[in-house]
Amino acid sequence: MTKPVKHPGPDHPITIERNPRRVIVSVAGRIIADTQAALTLSESSYRAVQYIPRQDVATSLLERSDHQSYCPYKGDCAYYSIPIGGIRCANAAWTYESPFADLAQIKDHIAFYRDRVDAIEEV
């Protein structure tokens, strides 16, 4: 079965901009990510998401899960849980390891669900 591939456009705009602020993600009193190189992805009417370079994420605190999804604009998505946060942090982070060309900038970046971490601060 072929998965549909769509391109951002007027009916579904997606923009990526470098965030000039420092972005810090924390769980259970631990800093999970800390960067000054986050990318802000704004997609259609959804809330903007911070994509953090993998090298600025404490990946030793993440655990790859079996959960997967697919976005026709971005591609196949893999997920990570954050064990120190307990069940609330299951599948709390995601990444597009091979995003489609239109959104290639998010390769090697990880994003976090706001409601599955304690804080995503922009300072």
N, C-alpha and C. Protein backbone atom coordinates (compact mmCIF):
# COMPACT_ATOMS: atom_id res chain seq x y z
N MET A 1 0.84 -1.17 0.00
CA MET A 1 0.00 0.00 0.00
C MET A 1 0.89 1.25 0.00
N THR A 2 0.62 2.17 -0.88
CA THR A 2 1.39 3.41 -0.96
C THR A 2 0.80 4.45 -0.04
N LYS A 3 1.66 5.07 0.74
CA LYS A 3 1.22 6.14 1.64
C LYS A 3 1.11 7.44 0.85
N PRO A 4 0.09 8.25 1.14
CA PRO A 4 -0.04 9.52 0.42
C PRO A 4 1.08 10.49 0.81
N VAL A 5 1.52 11.28 -0.14
CA VAL A 5 2.52 12.32 0.10
C VAL A 5 1.90 13.65 -0.32
N LYS A 6 1.92 14.59 0.60
CA LYS A 6 1.36 15.91 0.33
C LYS A 6 2.43 16.97 0.51
N HIS A 7 2.22 18.12 -0.11
CA HIS A 7 3.16 19.23 -0.03
C HIS A 7 2.48 20.41 0.65
N PRO A 8 3.21 21.11 1.53
CA PRO A 8 2.63 22.30 2.14
C PRO A 8 2.21 23.30 1.06
N GLY A 9 1.15 24.02 1.31
CA GLY A 9 0.65 25.01 0.36
C GLY A 9 -0.40 25.87 1.02
N PRO A 10 -1.10 26.66 0.25
CA PRO A 10 -2.10 27.58 0.80
C PRO A 10 -3.19 26.89 1.63
N ASP A 11 -3.56 25.67 1.25
CA ASP A 11 -4.60 24.95 1.98
C ASP A 11 -4.07 24.29 3.25
N HIS A 12 -2.75 24.11 3.36
CA HIS A 12 -2.11 23.51 4.54
C HIS A 12 -0.69 24.07 4.65
N PRO A 13 -0.57 25.32 5.11
CA PRO A 13 0.77 25.93 5.18
C PRO A 13 1.61 25.35 6.32
N ILE A 14 2.88 25.18 6.04
CA ILE A 14 3.85 24.76 7.05
C ILE A 14 5.08 25.63 6.88
N THR A 15 5.50 26.27 7.96
CA THR A 15 6.72 27.08 7.93
C THR A 15 7.66 26.62 9.03
N ILE A 16 8.94 26.79 8.77
CA ILE A 16 9.98 26.46 9.75
C ILE A 16 10.88 27.68 9.87
N GLU A 17 11.04 28.15 11.11
CA GLU A 17 11.91 29.29 11.37
C GLU A 17 12.80 28.99 12.56
N ARG A 18 13.99 29.52 12.55
CA ARG A 18 14.88 29.36 13.69
C ARG A 18 14.32 30.17 14.85
N ASN A 19 14.25 29.57 16.02
CA ASN A 19 13.78 30.26 17.21
C ASN A 19 14.96 31.03 17.82
N PRO A 20 14.84 32.34 17.97
CA PRO A 20 15.95 33.12 18.53
C PRO A 20 16.13 32.93 20.04
N ARG A 21 15.15 32.29 20.68
CA ARG A 21 15.22 32.09 22.13
C ARG A 21 15.86 30.76 22.49
N ARG A 22 16.30 30.66 23.72
CA ARG A 22 16.79 29.40 24.27
C ARG A 22 15.56 28.58 24.64
N VAL A 23 15.55 27.29 24.31
CA VAL A 23 14.44 26.40 24.62
C VAL A 23 14.94 25.32 25.58
N ILE A 24 14.21 25.15 26.69
CA ILE A 24 14.57 24.16 27.70
C ILE A 24 13.37 23.27 27.96
N VAL A 25 13.59 21.95 27.90
CA VAL A 25 12.54 20.97 28.19
C VAL A 25 12.93 20.24 29.46
N SER A 26 11.98 20.14 30.40
CA SER A 26 12.30 19.45 31.66
C SER A 26 11.22 18.46 32.06
N VAL A 27 11.67 17.42 32.78
CA VAL A 27 10.79 16.38 33.30
C VAL A 27 11.37 15.93 34.64
N ALA A 28 10.52 15.85 35.65
CA ALA A 28 10.92 15.33 36.97
C ALA A 28 12.19 16.01 37.51
N GLY A 29 12.27 17.31 37.33
CA GLY A 29 13.42 18.06 37.83
C GLY A 29 14.69 17.92 37.02
N ARG A 30 14.63 17.24 35.90
CA ARG A 30 15.80 17.04 35.04
C ARG A 30 15.62 17.79 33.74
N ILE A 31 16.70 18.33 33.24
CA ILE A 31 16.66 18.99 31.93
C ILE A 31 16.85 17.91 30.88
N ILE A 32 15.85 17.79 30.01
CA ILE A 32 15.86 16.79 28.95
C ILE A 32 16.48 17.37 27.68
N ALA A 33 16.25 18.67 27.45
CA ALA A 33 16.80 19.34 26.28
C ALA A 33 17.08 20.79 26.63
N ASP A 34 18.15 21.32 26.05
CA ASP A 34 18.54 22.71 26.27
C ASP A 34 19.26 23.17 25.01
N THR A 35 18.66 24.14 24.31
CA THR A 35 19.24 24.55 23.03
C THR A 35 19.01 26.03 22.75
N GLN A 36 19.88 26.55 21.93
CA GLN A 36 19.70 27.89 21.37
C GLN A 36 19.57 27.79 19.86
N ALA A 37 19.25 26.57 19.39
CA ALA A 37 19.15 26.33 17.95
C ALA A 37 17.85 25.62 17.58
N ALA A 38 16.79 25.84 18.35
CA ALA A 38 15.51 25.19 18.06
C ALA A 38 14.91 25.75 16.77
N LEU A 39 14.15 24.91 16.11
CA LEU A 39 13.38 25.31 14.94
C LEU A 39 11.90 25.32 15.33
N THR A 40 11.21 26.40 15.03
CA THR A 40 9.78 26.49 15.30
C THR A 40 9.04 26.10 14.04
N LEU A 41 8.28 25.01 14.12
CA LEU A 41 7.48 24.55 12.99
C LEU A 41 6.03 24.97 13.25
N SER A 42 5.51 25.77 12.35
CA SER A 42 4.11 26.19 12.41
C SER A 42 3.37 25.50 11.28
N GLU A 43 2.35 24.74 11.65
CA GLU A 43 1.61 23.95 10.66
C GLU A 43 0.12 24.26 10.73
N SER A 44 -0.39 24.81 9.65
CA SER A 44 -1.81 25.08 9.50
C SER A 44 -2.35 25.77 10.75
N SER A 45 -3.40 25.23 11.35
CA SER A 45 -4.00 25.86 12.53
C SER A 45 -3.51 25.25 13.84
N TYR A 46 -2.53 24.33 13.77
CA TYR A 46 -2.00 23.70 14.98
C TYR A 46 -1.08 24.65 15.74
N ARG A 47 -0.92 24.38 17.02
CA ARG A 47 0.01 25.15 17.85
C ARG A 47 1.44 24.89 17.36
N ALA A 48 2.26 25.94 17.34
CA ALA A 48 3.65 25.80 16.90
C ALA A 48 4.40 24.81 17.79
N VAL A 49 5.35 24.09 17.18
CA VAL A 49 6.13 23.07 17.87
C VAL A 49 7.61 23.40 17.75
N GLN A 50 8.34 23.18 18.84
CA GLN A 50 9.78 23.40 18.86
C GLN A 50 10.49 22.09 18.51
N TYR A 51 11.27 22.09 17.45
CA TYR A 51 12.09 20.95 17.07
C TYR A 51 13.52 21.25 17.52
N ILE A 52 14.05 20.39 18.38
CA ILE A 52 15.34 20.61 19.02
C ILE A 52 16.39 19.70 18.41
N PRO A 53 17.56 20.27 18.06
CA PRO A 53 18.62 19.42 17.50
C PRO A 53 18.93 18.25 18.43
N ARG A 54 19.06 17.09 17.85
CA ARG A 54 19.31 15.87 18.63
C ARG A 54 20.52 16.03 19.57
N GLN A 55 21.55 16.73 19.12
CA GLN A 55 22.74 16.87 19.96
C GLN A 55 22.49 17.71 21.21
N ASP A 56 21.36 18.43 21.26
CA ASP A 56 21.02 19.23 22.43
C ASP A 56 19.97 18.56 23.32
N VAL A 57 19.72 17.29 23.06
CA VAL A 57 18.77 16.50 23.84
C VAL A 57 19.55 15.43 24.61
N ALA A 58 19.19 15.25 25.88
CA ALA A 58 19.82 14.20 26.70
C ALA A 58 19.19 12.87 26.30
N THR A 59 19.65 12.34 25.18
CA THR A 59 19.03 11.12 24.63
C THR A 59 19.19 9.92 25.56
N SER A 60 20.14 9.98 26.49
CA SER A 60 20.29 8.88 27.46
C SER A 60 19.08 8.80 28.39
N LEU A 61 18.29 9.87 28.47
CA LEU A 61 17.09 9.89 29.30
C LEU A 61 15.84 9.47 28.53
N LEU A 62 16.00 9.23 27.22
CA LEU A 62 14.88 8.82 26.37
C LEU A 62 14.96 7.33 26.10
N GLU A 63 13.80 6.74 25.85
CA GLU A 63 13.74 5.32 25.50
C GLU A 63 12.86 5.18 24.25
N ARG A 64 13.42 4.62 23.21
CA ARG A 64 12.68 4.44 21.97
C ARG A 64 11.47 3.54 22.23
N SER A 65 10.32 3.95 21.75
CA SER A 65 9.12 3.13 21.92
C SER A 65 8.78 2.44 20.61
N ASP A 66 7.81 1.55 20.66
CA ASP A 66 7.36 0.85 19.45
C ASP A 66 6.35 1.68 18.67
N HIS A 67 5.87 2.75 19.27
CA HIS A 67 4.84 3.58 18.63
C HIS A 67 5.39 4.26 17.38
N GLN A 68 4.59 4.29 16.33
CA GLN A 68 4.97 4.94 15.08
C GLN A 68 3.73 5.62 14.51
N SER A 69 3.96 6.63 13.69
CA SER A 69 2.85 7.26 12.98
C SER A 69 3.36 7.74 11.63
N TYR A 70 2.44 8.29 10.87
CA TYR A 70 2.80 8.78 9.54
C TYR A 70 2.09 10.10 9.29
N CYS A 71 2.83 11.06 8.76
CA CYS A 71 2.27 12.34 8.37
C CYS A 71 2.49 12.48 6.86
N PRO A 72 1.45 12.76 6.09
CA PRO A 72 1.63 12.87 4.65
C PRO A 72 2.48 14.07 4.23
N TYR A 73 2.74 14.99 5.15
CA TYR A 73 3.58 16.16 4.86
C TYR A 73 5.03 15.95 5.30
N LYS A 74 5.22 15.13 6.35
CA LYS A 74 6.56 14.97 6.93
C LYS A 74 7.16 13.59 6.74
N GLY A 75 6.31 12.54 6.74
CA GLY A 75 6.80 11.18 6.57
C GLY A 75 6.57 10.32 7.79
N ASP A 76 7.39 9.27 7.91
CA ASP A 76 7.27 8.33 9.03
C ASP A 76 7.84 8.95 10.30
N CYS A 77 7.14 8.72 11.41
CA CYS A 77 7.51 9.33 12.68
C CYS A 77 7.79 8.25 13.71
N ALA A 78 8.89 8.42 14.45
CA ALA A 78 9.26 7.51 15.53
C ALA A 78 9.11 8.25 16.86
N TYR A 79 8.89 7.50 17.93
CA TYR A 79 8.60 8.10 19.24
C TYR A 79 9.55 7.63 20.32
N TYR A 80 9.67 8.47 21.35
CA TYR A 80 10.47 8.16 22.54
C TYR A 80 9.63 8.43 23.78
N SER A 81 9.84 7.60 24.79
CA SER A 81 9.27 7.84 26.10
C SER A 81 10.38 8.38 27.00
N ILE A 82 9.97 8.97 28.12
CA ILE A 82 10.93 9.50 29.09
C ILE A 82 10.64 8.79 30.41
N PRO A 83 11.33 7.67 30.68
CA PRO A 83 11.02 6.84 31.84
C PRO A 83 11.00 7.57 33.18
N ILE A 84 11.85 8.55 33.39
CA ILE A 84 11.88 9.24 34.69
C ILE A 84 10.59 10.00 34.96
N GLY A 85 9.77 10.22 33.95
CA GLY A 85 8.51 10.92 34.12
C GLY A 85 7.32 10.01 34.34
N GLY A 86 7.55 8.70 34.32
CA GLY A 86 6.46 7.76 34.54
C GLY A 86 5.55 7.62 33.33
N ILE A 87 4.37 7.08 33.56
CA ILE A 87 3.43 6.76 32.49
C ILE A 87 3.01 8.00 31.70
N ARG A 88 2.94 9.14 32.35
CA ARG A 88 2.57 10.39 31.68
C ARG A 88 3.51 10.72 30.52
N CYS A 89 4.74 10.27 30.62
CA CYS A 89 5.75 10.60 29.62
C CYS A 89 5.93 9.51 28.56
N ALA A 90 4.96 8.61 28.46
CA ALA A 90 5.01 7.61 27.39
C ALA A 90 4.83 8.31 26.05
N ASN A 91 5.68 7.99 25.11
CA ASN A 91 5.63 8.59 23.76
C ASN A 91 5.60 10.12 23.82
N ALA A 92 6.40 10.68 24.69
CA ALA A 92 6.42 12.13 24.93
C ALA A 92 7.18 12.91 23.87
N ALA A 93 8.04 12.23 23.13
CA ALA A 93 8.88 12.91 22.13
C ALA A 93 8.78 12.19 20.80
N TRP A 94 8.99 12.94 19.74
CA TRP A 94 8.93 12.32 18.42
C TRP A 94 9.99 12.91 17.50
N THR A 95 10.28 12.15 16.44
CA THR A 95 11.27 12.58 15.47
C THR A 95 10.93 12.02 14.09
N TYR A 96 11.27 12.78 13.08
CA TYR A 96 11.16 12.33 11.69
C TYR A 96 12.59 12.08 11.23
N GLU A 97 13.01 10.83 11.21
CA GLU A 97 14.40 10.51 10.90
C GLU A 97 14.73 10.71 9.43
N SER A 98 13.75 10.57 8.57
CA SER A 98 13.92 10.78 7.13
C SER A 98 12.74 11.59 6.60
N PRO A 99 12.63 12.85 7.02
CA PRO A 99 11.47 13.65 6.59
C PRO A 99 11.49 13.89 5.09
N PHE A 100 10.31 14.17 4.55
CA PHE A 100 10.21 14.49 3.13
C PHE A 100 11.00 15.76 2.84
N ALA A 101 11.39 15.93 1.59
CA ALA A 101 12.26 17.03 1.16
C ALA A 101 11.72 18.41 1.55
N ASP A 102 10.41 18.61 1.49
CA ASP A 102 9.84 19.91 1.83
C ASP A 102 10.15 20.33 3.26
N LEU A 103 10.36 19.36 4.13
CA LEU A 103 10.60 19.65 5.55
C LEU A 103 11.90 19.02 6.04
N ALA A 104 12.86 18.93 5.16
CA ALA A 104 14.15 18.29 5.47
C ALA A 104 14.86 18.94 6.66
N GLN A 105 14.56 20.18 6.96
CA GLN A 105 15.22 20.89 8.06
C GLN A 105 15.01 20.21 9.41
N ILE A 106 13.93 19.45 9.58
CA ILE A 106 13.67 18.84 10.89
C ILE A 106 14.39 17.51 11.08
N LYS A 107 15.12 17.07 10.08
CA LYS A 107 15.93 15.85 10.24
C LYS A 107 16.91 16.07 11.39
N ASP A 108 17.14 15.04 12.17
CA ASP A 108 18.04 15.10 13.32
C ASP A 108 17.56 16.05 14.41
N HIS A 109 16.24 16.25 14.49
CA HIS A 109 15.62 17.07 15.53
C HIS A 109 14.58 16.22 16.26
N ILE A 110 14.32 16.59 17.52
CA ILE A 110 13.32 15.91 18.34
C ILE A 110 12.36 16.96 18.89
N ALA A 111 11.07 16.63 18.88
CA ALA A 111 10.04 17.51 19.43
C ALA A 111 9.36 16.81 20.61
N PHE A 112 8.73 17.61 21.47
CA PHE A 112 8.11 17.09 22.69
C PHE A 112 6.66 17.57 22.80
N TYR A 113 5.78 16.67 23.28
CA TYR A 113 4.40 17.05 23.57
C TYR A 113 4.39 17.88 24.84
N ARG A 114 3.77 19.05 24.79
CA ARG A 114 3.70 19.94 25.95
C ARG A 114 3.02 19.31 27.16
N ASP A 115 2.02 18.46 26.91
CA ASP A 115 1.29 17.86 28.03
C ASP A 115 1.93 16.57 28.56
N ARG A 116 3.07 16.18 28.01
CA ARG A 116 3.74 14.97 28.47
C ARG A 116 5.11 15.25 29.08
N VAL A 117 5.46 16.51 29.20
CA VAL A 117 6.66 16.93 29.90
C VAL A 117 6.23 17.97 30.93
N ASP A 118 7.10 18.29 31.86
CA ASP A 118 6.75 19.27 32.90
C ASP A 118 6.76 20.68 32.35
N ALA A 119 7.72 20.96 31.46
CA ALA A 119 7.81 22.33 30.90
C ALA A 119 8.59 22.35 29.62
N ILE A 120 8.16 23.23 28.73
CA ILE A 120 8.94 23.63 27.56
C ILE A 120 9.01 25.14 27.66
N GLU A 121 10.18 25.61 28.09
CA GLU A 121 10.36 27.04 28.32
C GLU A 121 11.13 27.68 27.17
N GLU A 122 10.72 28.87 26.83
CA GLU A 122 11.47 29.70 25.87
C GLU A 122 11.92 30.92 26.63
N VAL A 123 13.23 31.02 26.82
CA VAL A 123 13.79 32.12 27.64
C VAL A 123 14.72 33.00 26.84
